[in-house]
Amino acid sequence: MKAPSCLVLAAVGALLLTSSRVSACPCSDDGGTSSLVRDDERYAVALVATSRHALGHFDAFGQYHALGPVDGETSEELLLRAGLRLPRRVEWLGELGYASYRFHSLSRVEAHTGVGDALLRARWTLRDEGMPHESLWLPSLALAGLLRAPLGALADNRSAGFGSGGAQLGLGAWELGVGFDAARSLVPELQLMLGAEGAYRFEDHVLGRARRLGPRLDATVGARLMPSAWLAGTFALRARFTADVALGNGDGSGLQRLPGTAERLWSLVLGAAVYDRNSKLRSSLTLSWDPPVGSFSVGTTAAAALSVALAYGVPAPNDAAALNTR
């Protein structure tokens, strides 16, 4: 049985609480072109704690099956993020987590603990949001790249499944992705966001024979409300699509696609961030929920997750910041 989806929506909270005008949110996990280092900082570090509880599972036909009264599927994760902004419009970010996964039923007990994959990200802010007095009021736009290195525990013990749901302990495969995020303010207190990330997974042998996870596409649309100078709230809808897995026969005849192994997951996200532009500390809280409704999602786990994040940033020297190219 698959682990709950580890695409913790803290990442979405990070995407939606970030813009060129306000403090970056310290939360993130997997997927999404999220930012950590504010535009007036040189370095930043964050610790994100996430607890996830599975509600049930969607089969390959989109039918939802709730967990039984004695069944349980949970996971906890600590994610360490460290970022560098140099020059000002380019952010370099590294992520590494440690996770614990547990599943139990009347006839089966399963538990895994260990580190996850290492993620390296680069995010380039192409343009800031246009000003209201400009004739063409364009949104802010940033491009990002992602490299996942399979350092996780699942890459060592070969307990990974056919699919990619449950990436906290590793996919077992190298992954290369690109993405973007854009934002535009309707009024000073309300901002709309749009983001997407696509990634290709390279062939691996984590199952003892050739396997290639299907490429994935993440998309997020949401809104951020800023009722005060120190508080921001978000609401977002996120979708993840993953193509079928290809598996080798073990006889060298090549990979064959496995119909019915594709994944689709829809999630709702609520987030709140507390920050002060003059403070080095900031925090956030993110709640995600995968609606347990048939046909909404396919081949994955419906779960509820709560993430708490705390970040610390180091301001950029004034003289150095003035020299950074825009």
Protein backbone atom coordinates (compact mmCIF):
# COMPACT_ATOMS: atom_id res chain seq x y z
CA MET A 1 0.00 0.00 0.00
CA LYS A 2 1.34 3.41 -0.87
CA ALA A 3 2.46 5.86 1.75
CA PRO A 4 0.40 9.00 2.01
CA SER A 5 1.22 11.63 -0.55
CA CYS A 6 4.26 13.55 0.64
CA LEU A 7 3.67 16.45 -1.51
CA VAL A 8 2.96 18.37 1.55
CA LEU A 9 1.16 21.42 0.97
CA ALA A 10 3.56 23.39 2.95
CA ALA A 11 5.21 23.85 -0.40
CA VAL A 12 2.08 25.42 -1.73
CA GLY A 13 1.96 27.66 1.30
CA ALA A 14 5.47 28.74 0.45
CA LEU A 15 4.57 29.50 -3.13
CA LEU A 16 1.52 31.50 -2.24
CA LEU A 17 3.02 33.46 0.62
CA THR A 18 5.96 34.63 -1.44
CA SER A 19 6.28 37.66 -3.67
CA SER A 20 8.82 40.33 -4.43
CA ARG A 21 7.14 42.78 -2.07
CA VAL A 22 6.69 40.83 1.15
CA SER A 23 8.51 38.40 3.39
CA ALA A 24 9.06 34.91 2.07
CA CYS A 25 7.29 32.09 3.84
CA PRO A 26 9.62 29.57 5.50
CA CYS A 27 7.55 26.54 4.62
CA SER A 28 8.07 24.09 1.81
CA ASP A 29 8.39 20.40 1.13
CA ASP A 30 8.22 19.06 -2.33
CA GLY A 31 7.16 20.40 -5.63
CA GLY A 32 6.45 24.00 -6.51
CA THR A 33 8.79 26.91 -7.16
CA SER A 34 8.79 28.07 -3.55
CA SER A 35 11.06 30.76 -2.12
CA LEU A 36 12.75 30.98 1.27
CA VAL A 37 15.19 33.92 1.23
CA ARG A 38 13.59 37.37 1.21
CA ASP A 39 14.74 39.88 -1.39
CA ASP A 40 16.52 41.93 1.32
CA GLU A 41 18.36 38.90 2.80
CA ARG A 42 21.58 37.12 1.87
CA TYR A 43 20.98 33.83 3.73
CA ALA A 44 18.04 32.06 5.38
CA VAL A 45 17.40 28.72 7.07
CA ALA A 46 14.10 27.07 8.00
CA LEU A 47 12.82 24.03 9.84
CA VAL A 48 9.45 22.60 8.77
CA ALA A 49 7.59 19.99 10.85
CA THR A 50 4.75 18.12 9.12
CA SER A 51 2.27 15.54 10.41
CA ARG A 52 0.11 13.69 7.88
CA HIS A 53 -2.79 11.29 8.45
CA ALA A 54 -4.26 9.23 5.62
CA LEU A 55 -8.03 9.24 5.13
CA GLY A 56 -8.25 6.57 2.45
CA HIS A 57 -7.05 5.56 -0.99
CA PHE A 58 -8.11 6.13 -4.59
CA ASP A 59 -7.76 3.15 -6.92
CA ALA A 60 -6.82 3.26 -10.60
CA PHE A 61 -10.45 3.93 -11.55
CA GLY A 62 -10.86 6.86 -9.17
CA GLN A 63 -12.97 4.95 -6.66
CA TYR A 64 -12.36 6.08 -3.10
CA HIS A 65 -11.87 3.52 -0.31
CA ALA A 66 -11.76 4.86 3.25
CA LEU A 67 -9.45 3.29 5.79
CA GLY A 68 -11.11 0.79 8.11
CA PRO A 69 -11.86 1.60 11.76
CA VAL A 70 -8.77 -0.29 12.94
CA ASP A 71 -6.51 0.84 10.09
CA GLY A 72 -4.08 3.70 10.38
CA GLU A 73 -1.54 5.36 8.09
CA THR A 74 0.50 8.30 9.37
CA SER A 75 3.79 10.04 8.75
CA GLU A 76 5.85 12.77 10.37
CA GLU A 77 8.67 14.72 8.78
CA LEU A 78 11.29 17.30 9.73
CA LEU A 79 12.56 19.25 6.74
CA LEU A 80 15.67 21.44 6.82
CA ARG A 81 15.94 24.17 4.19
CA ALA A 82 18.89 26.50 3.58
CA GLY A 83 19.01 29.27 1.00
CA LEU A 84 21.38 31.84 -0.47
CA ARG A 85 20.37 34.88 -2.54
CA LEU A 86 23.20 36.00 -4.83
CA PRO A 87 22.72 38.10 -6.86
CA ARG A 88 19.51 39.62 -5.51
CA ARG A 89 17.24 38.15 -8.19
CA VAL A 90 18.65 34.60 -7.96
CA GLU A 91 17.97 32.27 -5.03
CA TRP A 92 19.82 28.99 -4.42
CA LEU A 93 18.04 26.54 -2.13
CA GLY A 94 18.85 23.12 -0.66
CA GLU A 95 16.43 20.80 1.18
CA LEU A 96 16.86 17.58 3.16
CA GLY A 97 14.35 15.86 5.44
CA TYR A 98 13.99 13.02 7.91
CA ALA A 99 10.69 11.13 7.99
CA SER A 100 8.85 8.39 9.85
CA TYR A 101 6.07 6.42 8.15
CA ARG A 102 3.70 3.91 9.80
CA PHE A 103 0.85 1.74 8.56
CA HIS A 104 -1.13 -0.80 10.56
CA SER A 105 -4.19 -3.00 10.05
CA LEU A 106 -5.46 -6.24 11.55
CA SER A 107 -3.20 -8.32 9.33
CA ARG A 108 -0.26 -6.05 8.57
CA VAL A 109 2.13 -3.64 10.24
CA GLU A 110 4.67 -1.57 8.31
CA ALA A 111 7.09 1.12 9.47
CA HIS A 112 9.91 3.06 7.81
CA THR A 113 12.20 5.81 9.07
CA GLY A 114 15.12 7.58 7.46
CA VAL A 115 16.31 10.52 5.44
CA GLY A 116 14.64 11.67 2.26
CA ASP A 117 16.09 12.71 -1.06
CA ALA A 118 18.21 15.84 -1.38
CA LEU A 119 16.65 18.66 -3.41
CA LEU A 120 18.52 21.53 -5.01
CA ARG A 121 16.59 24.47 -6.41
CA ALA A 122 17.46 27.67 -8.26
CA ARG A 123 14.87 30.45 -8.64
CA TRP A 124 15.31 33.51 -10.86
CA THR A 125 12.96 36.49 -10.53
CA LEU A 126 12.50 37.79 -14.07
CA ARG A 127 10.35 40.80 -13.21
CA ASP A 128 8.55 42.48 -10.35
CA GLU A 129 4.85 43.18 -10.47
CA GLY A 130 3.95 46.27 -12.48
CA MET A 131 2.79 49.42 -10.73
CA PRO A 132 -0.88 50.52 -10.98
CA HIS A 133 0.04 53.70 -12.87
CA GLU A 134 1.76 51.76 -15.66
CA SER A 135 -0.16 51.36 -18.91
CA LEU A 136 0.54 47.60 -18.98
CA TRP A 137 0.19 46.18 -15.46
CA LEU A 138 2.01 42.86 -15.71
CA PRO A 139 2.29 40.28 -12.89
CA SER A 140 5.53 39.35 -11.21
CA LEU A 141 7.23 36.34 -12.80
CA ALA A 142 9.89 33.90 -11.59
CA LEU A 143 11.41 30.80 -13.19
CA ALA A 144 12.88 27.88 -11.26
CA GLY A 145 14.84 24.68 -11.75
CA LEU A 146 14.89 21.54 -9.59
CA LEU A 147 17.30 18.64 -9.19
CA ARG A 148 16.43 15.69 -6.91
CA ALA A 149 19.22 13.34 -5.86
CA PRO A 150 18.03 9.87 -4.67
CA LEU A 151 19.65 9.81 -1.24
CA GLY A 152 16.54 8.69 0.62
CA ALA A 153 16.09 5.51 2.63
CA LEU A 154 13.86 3.92 -0.01
CA ALA A 155 16.69 4.09 -2.51
CA ASP A 156 18.69 1.77 -0.22
CA ASN A 157 16.23 -0.83 1.05
CA ARG A 158 14.29 -1.34 -2.19
CA SER A 159 10.93 -0.98 -0.49
CA ALA A 160 9.67 1.62 -2.94
CA GLY A 161 6.50 0.91 -4.90
CA PHE A 162 5.66 1.23 -8.55
CA GLY A 163 4.34 4.78 -8.16
CA SER A 164 5.71 8.02 -6.77
CA GLY A 165 3.15 8.76 -4.05
CA GLY A 166 4.89 9.10 -0.69
CA ALA A 167 8.21 10.75 -1.46
CA GLN A 168 9.27 11.60 2.09
CA LEU A 169 11.69 8.67 2.25
CA GLY A 170 12.78 9.10 -1.35
CA LEU A 171 11.61 8.40 -4.87
CA GLY A 172 14.61 6.20 -5.61
CA ALA A 173 15.19 8.10 -8.85
CA TRP A 174 16.90 11.23 -10.12
CA GLU A 175 14.46 13.98 -11.02
CA LEU A 176 14.97 17.13 -13.10
CA GLY A 177 12.30 19.81 -13.25
CA VAL A 178 11.45 23.37 -14.27
CA GLY A 179 8.67 25.66 -13.13
CA PHE A 180 7.34 29.19 -12.80
CA ASP A 181 5.22 31.28 -10.48
CA ALA A 182 3.38 34.55 -11.14
CA ALA A 183 1.45 36.96 -8.91
CA ARG A 184 -0.68 40.04 -9.41
CA SER A 185 -2.40 42.31 -6.88
CA LEU A 186 -6.04 43.24 -7.40
CA VAL A 187 -5.88 45.64 -4.46
CA PRO A 188 -3.01 46.17 -1.98
CA GLU A 189 -4.54 43.61 0.42
CA LEU A 190 -5.41 40.92 -2.13
CA GLN A 191 -3.12 39.07 -4.50
CA LEU A 192 -3.77 36.26 -6.99
CA MET A 193 -1.14 33.58 -7.68
CA LEU A 194 -0.49 30.97 -10.32
CA GLY A 195 2.33 28.43 -10.41
CA ALA A 196 3.35 25.22 -12.15
CA GLU A 197 6.23 22.76 -12.15
CA GLY A 198 7.00 19.86 -14.48
CA ALA A 199 9.62 17.18 -13.83
CA TYR A 200 11.13 14.17 -15.58
CA ARG A 201 12.18 11.09 -13.57
CA PHE A 202 15.14 9.11 -14.86
CA GLU A 203 15.37 5.33 -14.99
CA ASP A 204 16.34 3.61 -11.74
CA HIS A 205 16.80 0.08 -10.37
CA VAL A 206 15.38 0.50 -6.88
CA LEU A 207 13.18 -2.61 -7.33
CA GLY A 208 16.07 -4.76 -8.53
CA ARG A 209 15.12 -4.23 -12.18
CA ALA A 210 14.70 -1.24 -14.46
CA ARG A 211 11.94 1.18 -13.49
CA ARG A 212 11.05 4.65 -14.77
CA LEU A 213 8.52 6.72 -12.87
CA GLY A 214 6.21 8.76 -15.05
CA PRO A 215 6.86 12.49 -15.48
CA ARG A 216 4.83 14.74 -13.21
CA LEU A 217 3.09 18.10 -13.50
CA ASP A 218 2.07 20.23 -10.52
CA ALA A 219 -0.23 23.25 -10.86
CA THR A 220 -1.39 25.68 -8.18
CA VAL A 221 -3.84 28.58 -8.24
CA GLY A 222 -4.70 30.62 -5.18
CA ALA A 223 -5.19 33.94 -3.48
CA ARG A 224 -3.44 35.71 -0.62
CA LEU A 225 -5.13 38.14 1.76
CA MET A 226 -2.99 40.57 3.80
CA PRO A 227 -5.25 42.13 6.44
CA SER A 228 -2.28 43.68 8.28
CA ALA A 229 1.41 44.39 7.87
CA TRP A 230 2.39 41.29 9.88
CA LEU A 231 -0.20 38.68 8.84
CA ALA A 232 -1.00 36.95 5.54
CA GLY A 233 -3.57 34.25 4.86
CA THR A 234 -3.87 32.05 1.78
CA PHE A 235 -6.30 29.72 0.08
CA ALA A 236 -5.13 27.50 -2.77
CA LEU A 237 -6.17 24.66 -5.02
CA ARG A 238 -3.40 22.32 -6.12
CA ALA A 239 -3.36 19.52 -8.66
CA ARG A 240 -0.68 16.92 -9.33
CA PHE A 241 -0.61 14.65 -12.38
CA THR A 242 1.83 11.78 -12.81
CA ALA A 243 2.01 9.54 -15.88
CA ASP A 244 2.14 5.72 -15.88
CA VAL A 245 5.21 3.90 -14.61
CA ALA A 246 7.37 1.83 -16.96
CA LEU A 247 8.92 -1.38 -15.63
CA GLY A 248 11.52 -3.74 -17.08
CA ASN A 249 10.88 -7.45 -17.50
CA GLY A 250 14.29 -8.39 -16.13
CA ASP A 251 15.32 -10.02 -19.43
CA GLY A 252 16.81 -6.94 -21.05
CA SER A 253 13.89 -6.49 -23.44
CA GLY A 254 13.31 -2.89 -22.37
CA LEU A 255 10.70 -1.08 -20.33
CA GLN A 256 6.97 -1.63 -20.60
CA ARG A 257 4.39 0.90 -19.51
CA LEU A 258 2.05 -0.29 -16.75
CA PRO A 259 -1.47 0.99 -17.47
CA GLY A 260 -3.33 2.05 -14.37
CA THR A 261 -0.28 3.30 -12.44
CA ALA A 262 -0.84 6.98 -13.26
CA GLU A 263 -1.65 9.29 -10.34
CA ARG A 264 -3.83 12.36 -9.97
CA LEU A 265 -4.29 14.28 -6.74
CA TRP A 266 -6.36 17.38 -5.96
CA SER A 267 -5.72 19.24 -2.71
CA LEU A 268 -7.09 22.24 -0.84
CA VAL A 269 -4.71 24.38 1.19
CA LEU A 270 -5.18 26.97 3.93
CA GLY A 271 -2.16 28.87 5.21
CA ALA A 272 -1.23 31.67 7.58
CA ALA A 273 2.12 33.45 7.89
CA VAL A 274 3.27 35.79 10.65
CA TYR A 275 6.23 38.02 9.92
CA ASP A 276 7.76 41.44 10.53
CA ARG A 277 9.88 43.06 7.85
CA ASN A 278 12.26 44.30 10.55
CA SER A 279 12.63 40.88 12.20
CA LYS A 280 14.96 38.04 11.25
CA LEU A 281 12.40 35.47 12.41
CA ARG A 282 9.16 34.44 10.70
CA SER A 283 6.73 31.55 11.02
CA SER A 284 3.85 29.93 9.19
CA LEU A 285 1.11 27.34 9.60
CA THR A 286 -0.30 25.31 6.69
CA LEU A 287 -3.26 22.93 6.64
CA SER A 288 -3.92 20.73 3.61
CA TRP A 289 -6.78 18.40 2.81
CA ASP A 290 -7.22 15.98 -0.09
CA PRO A 291 -11.00 15.70 -0.66
CA PRO A 292 -12.04 12.03 -0.20
CA VAL A 293 -14.47 12.20 -3.11
CA GLY A 294 -14.55 9.56 -5.85
CA SER A 295 -13.18 10.52 -9.30
CA PHE A 296 -11.41 13.59 -7.91
CA SER A 297 -8.11 11.76 -7.57
CA VAL A 298 -6.68 8.53 -9.02
CA GLY A 299 -4.11 5.99 -7.85
CA THR A 300 -3.02 7.84 -4.72
CA THR A 301 -3.77 8.52 -1.04
CA ALA A 302 -6.18 11.09 0.38
CA ALA A 303 -4.72 12.68 3.49
CA ALA A 304 -4.91 15.64 5.86
CA ALA A 305 -1.65 17.34 6.82
CA LEU A 306 -0.56 20.07 9.20
CA SER A 307 2.78 21.86 8.80
CA VAL A 308 4.48 24.35 11.11
CA ALA A 309 7.54 26.26 9.92
CA LEU A 310 10.07 28.61 11.53
CA ALA A 311 12.69 30.50 9.55
CA TYR A 312 15.62 32.80 10.31
CA GLY A 313 17.11 35.18 7.76
CA VAL A 314 20.36 37.16 7.63
CA PRO A 315 20.06 40.57 5.92
CA ALA A 316 22.28 41.34 2.97
CA PRO A 317 24.97 44.00 3.59
CA ASN A 318 23.77 47.33 2.27
CA ASP A 319 26.87 47.94 0.20
CA ALA A 320 26.78 44.44 -1.31
CA ALA A 321 23.05 44.60 -1.94
CA ALA A 322 23.53 47.81 -3.89
CA LEU A 323 26.01 46.09 -6.19
CA ASN A 324 23.82 43.09 -6.99
CA THR A 325 22.41 43.15 -10.48
CA ARG A 326 18.67 43.47 -10.72
